């Protein structure tokens, strides 16, 4: 790995807009979220403005066992002149985070937001990919036998 993975600032943001800029920005100088004192679905609501638009958001922790990463193109790849993989792109993790603030334009944040609903998939995926034991098979066989009686 070219460089160590840095812990990201505690202000990892997911904005409801497309920003056509990829570089450093003095975010903390201009983007100043404040607490509203409102709680929705157990989520503490924050408020901020971005380019004149009001945003409402909440900070959530990623589920246990999961981390978020900021990914970027790997810049220190040394390639040989004889390397023919011209279309290959190497990626590296530049920063790691455990919390993220999800922002909405016109709606209060809730557990029904698409991003937060996606967290439900973690439990489903874990159950689907869990190894099946002989006890599981026997239990399932006994269930099937009981239903036919």
N, C-alpha and C. Protein backbone atom coordinates (compact mmCIF):
# COMPACT_ATOMS: atom_id res chain seq x y z
N UNK A 1 0.85 -1.17 0.00
CA UNK A 1 0.00 0.00 0.00
C UNK A 1 0.89 1.23 0.00
N UNK A 2 0.52 2.23 -0.76
CA UNK A 2 1.33 3.43 -0.91
C UNK A 2 1.36 4.29 0.34
N UNK A 3 0.24 4.42 0.97
CA UNK A 3 0.16 5.26 2.16
C UNK A 3 -0.77 4.61 3.17
N UNK A 4 -0.64 5.06 4.40
CA UNK A 4 -1.52 4.54 5.44
C UNK A 4 -2.94 5.06 5.23
N UNK A 5 -3.90 4.30 5.74
CA UNK A 5 -5.29 4.74 5.69
C UNK A 5 -5.49 5.71 6.85
N UNK A 6 -5.92 6.91 6.56
CA UNK A 6 -6.16 7.91 7.59
C UNK A 6 -7.59 7.83 8.08
N UNK A 7 -7.78 8.04 9.39
CA UNK A 7 -9.17 8.14 9.84
C UNK A 7 -9.75 9.42 9.26
N UNK A 8 -10.93 9.34 8.69
CA UNK A 8 -11.56 10.52 8.10
C UNK A 8 -12.02 11.46 9.20
N UNK A 9 -12.20 12.70 8.84
CA UNK A 9 -12.74 13.65 9.80
C UNK A 9 -14.09 13.15 10.28
N UNK A 10 -14.49 13.57 11.47
CA UNK A 10 -15.77 13.08 11.99
C UNK A 10 -16.95 13.60 11.20
N UNK A 11 -16.71 14.42 10.21
CA UNK A 11 -17.79 15.02 9.43
C UNK A 11 -17.89 14.41 8.03
N UNK A 12 -18.10 13.11 7.94
CA UNK A 12 -18.32 12.46 6.65
C UNK A 12 -19.76 12.76 6.25
N UNK A 13 -19.94 13.34 5.07
CA UNK A 13 -21.26 13.81 4.64
C UNK A 13 -21.74 13.10 3.39
N UNK A 14 -23.05 12.85 3.33
CA UNK A 14 -23.68 12.36 2.11
C UNK A 14 -24.72 13.40 1.72
N UNK A 15 -24.40 14.19 0.71
CA UNK A 15 -25.26 15.30 0.30
C UNK A 15 -26.20 14.87 -0.83
N UNK A 16 -27.42 15.44 -0.87
CA UNK A 16 -28.40 15.09 -1.91
C UNK A 16 -28.21 15.91 -3.18
N UNK A 17 -26.99 15.95 -3.67
CA UNK A 17 -26.71 16.75 -4.86
C UNK A 17 -25.45 16.23 -5.54
N UNK A 18 -25.24 16.67 -6.74
CA UNK A 18 -24.05 16.30 -7.50
C UNK A 18 -23.11 17.50 -7.51
N UNK A 19 -21.91 17.30 -7.01
CA UNK A 19 -20.91 18.37 -6.98
C UNK A 19 -19.83 18.00 -7.98
N UNK A 20 -19.70 18.81 -9.01
CA UNK A 20 -18.74 18.50 -10.07
C UNK A 20 -17.38 19.10 -9.73
N UNK A 21 -16.85 18.66 -8.61
CA UNK A 21 -15.53 19.09 -8.16
C UNK A 21 -14.96 17.96 -7.34
N UNK A 22 -13.71 17.66 -7.54
CA UNK A 22 -13.06 16.58 -6.82
C UNK A 22 -11.72 17.08 -6.32
N UNK A 23 -11.71 17.64 -5.15
CA UNK A 23 -10.48 18.17 -4.60
C UNK A 23 -10.72 18.73 -3.22
N UNK A 24 -9.69 19.31 -2.65
CA UNK A 24 -9.83 19.86 -1.30
C UNK A 24 -10.80 21.04 -1.28
N UNK A 25 -11.45 21.20 -0.14
CA UNK A 25 -12.42 22.28 0.01
C UNK A 25 -12.50 22.64 1.50
N UNK A 26 -12.58 23.91 1.83
CA UNK A 26 -12.69 24.32 3.24
C UNK A 26 -14.12 24.15 3.76
N UNK A 27 -14.59 22.93 3.80
CA UNK A 27 -15.98 22.64 4.14
C UNK A 27 -16.36 23.22 5.50
N UNK A 28 -15.50 23.02 6.51
CA UNK A 28 -15.86 23.46 7.86
C UNK A 28 -15.97 24.98 7.96
N UNK A 29 -15.39 25.71 7.03
CA UNK A 29 -15.48 27.16 7.04
C UNK A 29 -16.86 27.65 6.60
N UNK A 30 -17.50 26.92 5.70
CA UNK A 30 -18.77 27.37 5.12
C UNK A 30 -19.97 26.51 5.50
N UNK A 31 -19.77 25.23 5.72
CA UNK A 31 -20.87 24.31 6.00
C UNK A 31 -20.94 24.12 7.51
N UNK A 32 -21.92 24.72 8.16
CA UNK A 32 -21.99 24.73 9.61
C UNK A 32 -23.32 24.17 10.11
N UNK A 33 -23.42 22.84 10.21
CA UNK A 33 -24.66 22.23 10.71
C UNK A 33 -24.91 22.60 12.17
N UNK A 34 -26.19 22.67 12.53
CA UNK A 34 -26.55 22.92 13.92
C UNK A 34 -27.71 22.00 14.30
N UNK A 35 -27.78 21.66 15.56
CA UNK A 35 -28.84 20.80 16.05
C UNK A 35 -30.16 21.57 16.06
N UNK A 36 -31.24 20.86 15.75
CA UNK A 36 -32.57 21.49 15.75
C UNK A 36 -33.34 21.19 17.03
N UNK A 37 -32.88 20.19 17.77
CA UNK A 37 -33.64 19.76 18.94
C UNK A 37 -34.79 18.83 18.59
N UNK A 38 -34.95 18.53 17.30
CA UNK A 38 -36.02 17.64 16.83
C UNK A 38 -35.48 16.21 16.76
N UNK A 39 -36.31 15.25 17.16
CA UNK A 39 -35.95 13.84 17.04
C UNK A 39 -37.04 13.12 16.25
N UNK A 40 -36.63 12.38 15.21
CA UNK A 40 -37.56 11.63 14.36
C UNK A 40 -37.07 10.19 14.30
N UNK A 41 -37.93 9.24 14.65
CA UNK A 41 -37.56 7.81 14.64
C UNK A 41 -36.29 7.54 15.44
N UNK A 42 -36.07 8.30 16.51
CA UNK A 42 -34.86 8.12 17.31
C UNK A 42 -33.62 8.76 16.71
N UNK A 43 -33.79 9.51 15.63
CA UNK A 43 -32.67 10.17 14.95
C UNK A 43 -32.67 11.66 15.31
N UNK A 44 -31.54 12.18 15.78
CA UNK A 44 -31.42 13.60 16.09
C UNK A 44 -31.22 14.38 14.80
N UNK A 45 -32.09 15.35 14.56
CA UNK A 45 -32.08 16.11 13.31
C UNK A 45 -31.16 17.32 13.41
N UNK A 46 -30.35 17.50 12.37
CA UNK A 46 -29.48 18.66 12.22
C UNK A 46 -29.99 19.48 11.04
N UNK A 47 -29.57 20.73 11.00
CA UNK A 47 -29.97 21.61 9.91
C UNK A 47 -28.75 22.37 9.41
N UNK A 48 -28.69 22.58 8.10
CA UNK A 48 -27.60 23.35 7.50
C UNK A 48 -28.10 23.92 6.18
N UNK A 49 -27.32 24.78 5.60
CA UNK A 49 -27.63 25.33 4.27
C UNK A 49 -26.45 25.05 3.36
N UNK A 50 -26.77 24.70 2.12
CA UNK A 50 -25.73 24.45 1.12
C UNK A 50 -26.17 25.11 -0.17
N UNK A 51 -25.37 26.05 -0.62
CA UNK A 51 -25.67 26.82 -1.83
C UNK A 51 -27.08 27.40 -1.81
N UNK A 52 -27.46 27.92 -0.64
CA UNK A 52 -28.75 28.57 -0.49
C UNK A 52 -29.92 27.65 -0.24
N UNK A 53 -29.69 26.35 -0.19
CA UNK A 53 -30.79 25.40 0.05
C UNK A 53 -30.69 24.84 1.46
N UNK A 54 -31.84 24.74 2.11
CA UNK A 54 -31.90 24.18 3.45
C UNK A 54 -31.75 22.66 3.37
N UNK A 55 -30.91 22.12 4.24
CA UNK A 55 -30.73 20.67 4.34
C UNK A 55 -31.10 20.24 5.76
N UNK A 56 -31.68 19.04 5.87
CA UNK A 56 -31.97 18.44 7.16
C UNK A 56 -31.35 17.05 7.16
N UNK A 57 -30.61 16.74 8.22
CA UNK A 57 -29.92 15.46 8.22
C UNK A 57 -29.75 14.88 9.60
N UNK A 58 -29.11 13.74 9.64
CA UNK A 58 -28.81 13.06 10.89
C UNK A 58 -27.52 12.28 10.74
N UNK A 59 -26.81 12.14 11.84
CA UNK A 59 -25.57 11.37 11.84
C UNK A 59 -25.87 9.97 12.36
N UNK A 60 -25.43 8.96 11.61
CA UNK A 60 -25.63 7.57 12.01
C UNK A 60 -24.29 6.85 12.03
N UNK A 61 -24.22 5.85 12.89
CA UNK A 61 -23.04 4.99 12.93
C UNK A 61 -23.28 3.82 12.00
N UNK A 62 -22.23 3.36 11.37
CA UNK A 62 -22.34 2.15 10.56
C UNK A 62 -22.54 0.96 11.49
N UNK A 63 -23.22 -0.08 11.05
CA UNK A 63 -23.45 -1.25 11.91
C UNK A 63 -22.13 -1.86 12.40
N UNK A 64 -22.20 -2.53 13.54
CA UNK A 64 -21.02 -3.21 14.09
C UNK A 64 -20.44 -4.15 13.05
N UNK A 65 -19.14 -4.16 12.96
CA UNK A 65 -18.45 -5.03 12.01
C UNK A 65 -18.27 -4.42 10.64
N UNK A 66 -18.77 -3.20 10.42
CA UNK A 66 -18.67 -2.53 9.12
C UNK A 66 -17.93 -1.21 9.28
N UNK A 67 -17.21 -0.84 8.25
CA UNK A 67 -16.52 0.45 8.18
C UNK A 67 -16.74 1.03 6.81
N UNK A 68 -16.69 2.34 6.73
CA UNK A 68 -16.78 3.03 5.44
C UNK A 68 -15.39 3.46 5.01
N UNK A 69 -15.17 3.55 3.72
CA UNK A 69 -13.86 3.96 3.20
C UNK A 69 -14.03 5.01 2.12
N UNK A 70 -13.10 5.93 2.08
CA UNK A 70 -13.01 6.89 0.98
C UNK A 70 -12.00 6.28 0.02
N UNK A 71 -12.44 6.00 -1.20
CA UNK A 71 -11.62 5.31 -2.19
C UNK A 71 -11.15 6.30 -3.25
N UNK A 72 -9.90 6.14 -3.66
CA UNK A 72 -9.36 6.98 -4.72
C UNK A 72 -8.43 6.18 -5.61
N UNK A 73 -8.12 6.73 -6.76
CA UNK A 73 -7.19 6.05 -7.66
C UNK A 73 -5.82 5.98 -7.01
N UNK A 74 -5.19 4.86 -7.19
CA UNK A 74 -3.86 4.65 -6.64
C UNK A 74 -2.86 5.41 -7.51
N UNK A 75 -2.09 6.28 -6.90
CA UNK A 75 -1.20 7.14 -7.68
C UNK A 75 0.23 6.65 -7.73
N UNK A 76 0.58 5.68 -6.92
CA UNK A 76 1.98 5.27 -6.88
C UNK A 76 2.24 3.94 -7.57
N UNK A 77 1.38 3.55 -8.46
CA UNK A 77 1.56 2.31 -9.20
C UNK A 77 2.72 2.48 -10.17
N UNK A 78 3.72 1.62 -10.01
CA UNK A 78 4.85 1.66 -10.94
C UNK A 78 4.59 0.63 -12.02
N UNK A 79 4.58 1.10 -13.24
CA UNK A 79 4.27 0.21 -14.37
C UNK A 79 5.50 0.08 -15.25
N UNK A 80 5.65 -1.09 -15.78
CA UNK A 80 6.74 -1.33 -16.72
C UNK A 80 6.31 -0.90 -18.11
N UNK A 81 7.27 -0.53 -18.92
CA UNK A 81 6.97 -0.12 -20.29
C UNK A 81 6.31 -1.26 -21.07
N UNK A 82 6.63 -2.50 -20.68
CA UNK A 82 6.08 -3.66 -21.38
C UNK A 82 4.68 -4.03 -20.88
N UNK A 83 4.18 -3.34 -19.86
CA UNK A 83 2.87 -3.64 -19.31
C UNK A 83 1.78 -3.31 -20.33
N UNK A 84 0.96 -4.30 -20.66
CA UNK A 84 -0.07 -4.11 -21.70
C UNK A 84 -1.46 -3.86 -21.12
N UNK A 85 -1.59 -3.81 -19.80
CA UNK A 85 -2.89 -3.59 -19.18
C UNK A 85 -3.19 -2.10 -19.08
N UNK A 86 -3.22 -1.41 -20.19
CA UNK A 86 -3.42 0.03 -20.21
C UNK A 86 -4.76 0.47 -19.65
N UNK A 87 -5.80 -0.37 -19.72
CA UNK A 87 -7.12 0.01 -19.25
C UNK A 87 -7.36 -0.28 -17.78
N UNK A 88 -6.39 -0.82 -17.07
CA UNK A 88 -6.58 -1.21 -15.68
C UNK A 88 -6.40 -0.01 -14.75
N UNK A 89 -7.28 0.12 -13.78
CA UNK A 89 -7.18 1.18 -12.79
C UNK A 89 -6.99 0.54 -11.43
N UNK A 90 -6.03 1.03 -10.68
CA UNK A 90 -5.80 0.54 -9.32
C UNK A 90 -6.43 1.54 -8.34
N UNK A 91 -7.03 1.01 -7.27
CA UNK A 91 -7.69 1.84 -6.28
C UNK A 91 -7.07 1.62 -4.92
N UNK A 92 -7.19 2.61 -4.07
CA UNK A 92 -6.70 2.46 -2.71
C UNK A 92 -7.66 3.16 -1.74
N UNK A 93 -7.64 2.69 -0.50
CA UNK A 93 -8.45 3.33 0.54
C UNK A 93 -7.65 4.49 1.11
N UNK A 94 -8.19 5.69 0.99
CA UNK A 94 -7.50 6.89 1.48
C UNK A 94 -7.90 7.26 2.90
N UNK A 95 -9.11 6.91 3.30
CA UNK A 95 -9.59 7.23 4.64
C UNK A 95 -10.66 6.23 5.05
N UNK A 96 -10.83 6.10 6.35
CA UNK A 96 -11.79 5.16 6.92
C UNK A 96 -12.72 5.94 7.85
N UNK A 97 -14.02 5.55 7.89
CA UNK A 97 -14.94 6.22 8.80
C UNK A 97 -15.95 5.24 9.38
N UNK A 98 -16.53 5.60 10.53
CA UNK A 98 -17.54 4.77 11.21
C UNK A 98 -18.89 5.48 11.29
N UNK A 99 -18.90 6.81 11.09
CA UNK A 99 -20.14 7.59 11.16
C UNK A 99 -20.31 8.39 9.88
N UNK A 100 -21.56 8.63 9.52
CA UNK A 100 -21.83 9.44 8.33
C UNK A 100 -23.10 10.26 8.58
N UNK A 101 -23.09 11.50 8.10
CA UNK A 101 -24.27 12.34 8.21
C UNK A 101 -24.99 12.33 6.86
N UNK A 102 -26.24 11.89 6.89
CA UNK A 102 -27.08 11.79 5.70
C UNK A 102 -27.95 13.05 5.64
N UNK A 103 -27.92 13.75 4.51
CA UNK A 103 -28.67 14.99 4.36
C UNK A 103 -29.80 14.84 3.34
N UNK A 104 -30.95 15.46 3.62
CA UNK A 104 -32.09 15.53 2.70
C UNK A 104 -32.37 17.00 2.38
N UNK A 105 -32.92 17.26 1.20
CA UNK A 105 -33.31 18.63 0.85
C UNK A 105 -34.61 19.03 1.53
N UNK A 106 -35.67 18.32 1.26
CA UNK A 106 -37.00 18.78 1.64
C UNK A 106 -37.67 17.96 2.73
N UNK A 107 -37.06 16.88 3.15
CA UNK A 107 -37.69 15.99 4.12
C UNK A 107 -36.84 15.85 5.37
N UNK A 108 -37.51 15.67 6.49
CA UNK A 108 -36.80 15.33 7.71
C UNK A 108 -36.21 13.93 7.53
N UNK A 109 -35.05 13.67 8.10
CA UNK A 109 -34.49 12.32 7.99
C UNK A 109 -35.36 11.34 8.78
N UNK A 110 -35.44 10.12 8.29
CA UNK A 110 -36.18 9.07 9.00
C UNK A 110 -35.54 7.73 8.69
N UNK A 111 -35.94 6.74 9.45
CA UNK A 111 -35.41 5.39 9.22
C UNK A 111 -35.91 4.81 7.90
N UNK A 112 -36.84 5.49 7.24
CA UNK A 112 -37.36 5.05 5.95
C UNK A 112 -36.56 5.62 4.77
N UNK A 113 -35.55 6.45 5.05
CA UNK A 113 -34.69 6.95 3.97
C UNK A 113 -33.99 5.78 3.30
N UNK A 114 -33.84 5.85 2.00
CA UNK A 114 -33.26 4.74 1.23
C UNK A 114 -31.90 4.32 1.77
N UNK A 115 -31.06 5.28 2.09
CA UNK A 115 -29.71 4.94 2.58
C UNK A 115 -29.79 4.13 3.87
N UNK A 116 -30.63 4.54 4.79
CA UNK A 116 -30.75 3.83 6.06
C UNK A 116 -31.46 2.50 5.90
N UNK A 117 -32.42 2.41 4.99
CA UNK A 117 -33.09 1.13 4.73
C UNK A 117 -32.10 0.10 4.19
N UNK A 118 -31.09 0.56 3.48
CA UNK A 118 -30.08 -0.36 2.94
C UNK A 118 -29.34 -1.10 4.05
N UNK A 119 -29.29 -0.52 5.25
CA UNK A 119 -28.63 -1.19 6.37
C UNK A 119 -29.32 -2.50 6.72
N UNK A 120 -30.63 -2.63 6.42
CA UNK A 120 -31.35 -3.88 6.70
C UNK A 120 -30.76 -5.04 5.90
N UNK A 121 -30.17 -4.74 4.76
CA UNK A 121 -29.61 -5.79 3.92
C UNK A 121 -28.45 -6.51 4.61
N UNK A 122 -27.75 -5.84 5.51
CA UNK A 122 -26.61 -6.48 6.19
C UNK A 122 -27.06 -7.73 6.93
N UNK A 123 -28.18 -7.66 7.66
CA UNK A 123 -28.68 -8.83 8.39
C UNK A 123 -29.17 -9.92 7.43
N UNK A 124 -29.84 -9.51 6.36
CA UNK A 124 -30.33 -10.48 5.37
C UNK A 124 -29.14 -11.18 4.71
N UNK A 125 -28.14 -10.42 4.29
CA UNK A 125 -26.97 -11.00 3.63
C UNK A 125 -26.24 -11.95 4.57
N UNK A 126 -26.14 -11.58 5.83
CA UNK A 126 -25.47 -12.43 6.82
C UNK A 126 -26.21 -13.76 6.95
N UNK A 127 -27.53 -13.71 7.02
CA UNK A 127 -28.33 -14.93 7.14
C UNK A 127 -28.23 -15.79 5.88
N UNK A 128 -28.24 -15.15 4.70
CA UNK A 128 -28.16 -15.90 3.45
C UNK A 128 -26.83 -16.59 3.25
N UNK A 129 -25.77 -15.97 3.73
CA UNK A 129 -24.43 -16.50 3.48
C UNK A 129 -23.83 -17.25 4.66
N UNK A 130 -24.61 -17.41 5.71
CA UNK A 130 -24.16 -18.15 6.88
C UNK A 130 -24.03 -19.63 6.50
N UNK A 131 -22.94 -20.26 6.89
CA UNK A 131 -22.80 -21.69 6.59
C UNK A 131 -23.94 -22.50 7.23
N UNK A 132 -24.42 -23.48 6.50
CA UNK A 132 -25.50 -24.34 6.99
C UNK A 132 -24.86 -25.52 7.72
N UNK A 133 -25.27 -25.73 8.97
CA UNK A 133 -24.72 -26.83 9.76
C UNK A 133 -25.61 -28.06 9.63
N UNK A 134 -25.10 -29.18 10.10
CA UNK A 134 -25.90 -30.41 10.07
C UNK A 134 -27.11 -30.27 10.99
N UNK A 135 -26.97 -29.53 12.09
CA UNK A 135 -28.11 -29.29 12.98
C UNK A 135 -29.20 -28.50 12.26
N UNK A 136 -28.79 -27.50 11.44
CA UNK A 136 -29.76 -26.73 10.66
C UNK A 136 -30.51 -27.64 9.70
N UNK A 137 -29.79 -28.53 9.04
CA UNK A 137 -30.41 -29.45 8.08
C UNK A 137 -31.39 -30.39 8.78
N UNK A 138 -30.97 -30.91 9.94
CA UNK A 138 -31.84 -31.83 10.68
C UNK A 138 -33.10 -31.10 11.16
N UNK A 139 -32.93 -29.88 11.64
CA UNK A 139 -34.06 -29.08 12.11
C UNK A 139 -35.03 -28.81 10.96
N UNK A 140 -34.50 -28.48 9.78
CA UNK A 140 -35.35 -28.22 8.61
C UNK A 140 -36.06 -29.50 8.17
N UNK A 141 -35.37 -30.63 8.25
CA UNK A 141 -35.99 -31.91 7.88
C UNK A 141 -37.13 -32.25 8.83
N UNK A 142 -36.93 -31.99 10.11
CA UNK A 142 -37.97 -32.27 11.10
C UNK A 142 -39.18 -31.36 10.89
N UNK A 143 -38.95 -30.12 10.48
CA UNK A 143 -40.06 -29.21 10.19
C UNK A 143 -40.89 -29.73 9.03
N UNK A 144 -40.20 -30.18 7.98
CA UNK A 144 -40.90 -30.71 6.80
C UNK A 144 -41.70 -31.96 7.13
N UNK A 145 -41.14 -32.81 7.98
CA UNK A 145 -41.83 -34.04 8.36
C UNK A 145 -43.05 -33.72 9.21
N UNK A 146 -42.95 -32.73 10.09
CA UNK A 146 -44.07 -32.36 10.95
C UNK A 146 -45.22 -31.77 10.13
N UNK A 147 -44.90 -31.06 9.05
CA UNK A 147 -45.94 -30.44 8.22
C UNK A 147 -46.71 -31.47 7.40
N UNK A 148 -46.08 -32.61 7.08
CA UNK A 148 -46.76 -33.62 6.26
C UNK A 148 -47.60 -34.56 7.11
N UNK A 149 -47.42 -34.51 8.42
CA UNK A 149 -48.20 -35.40 9.30
C UNK A 149 -49.62 -34.96 9.44
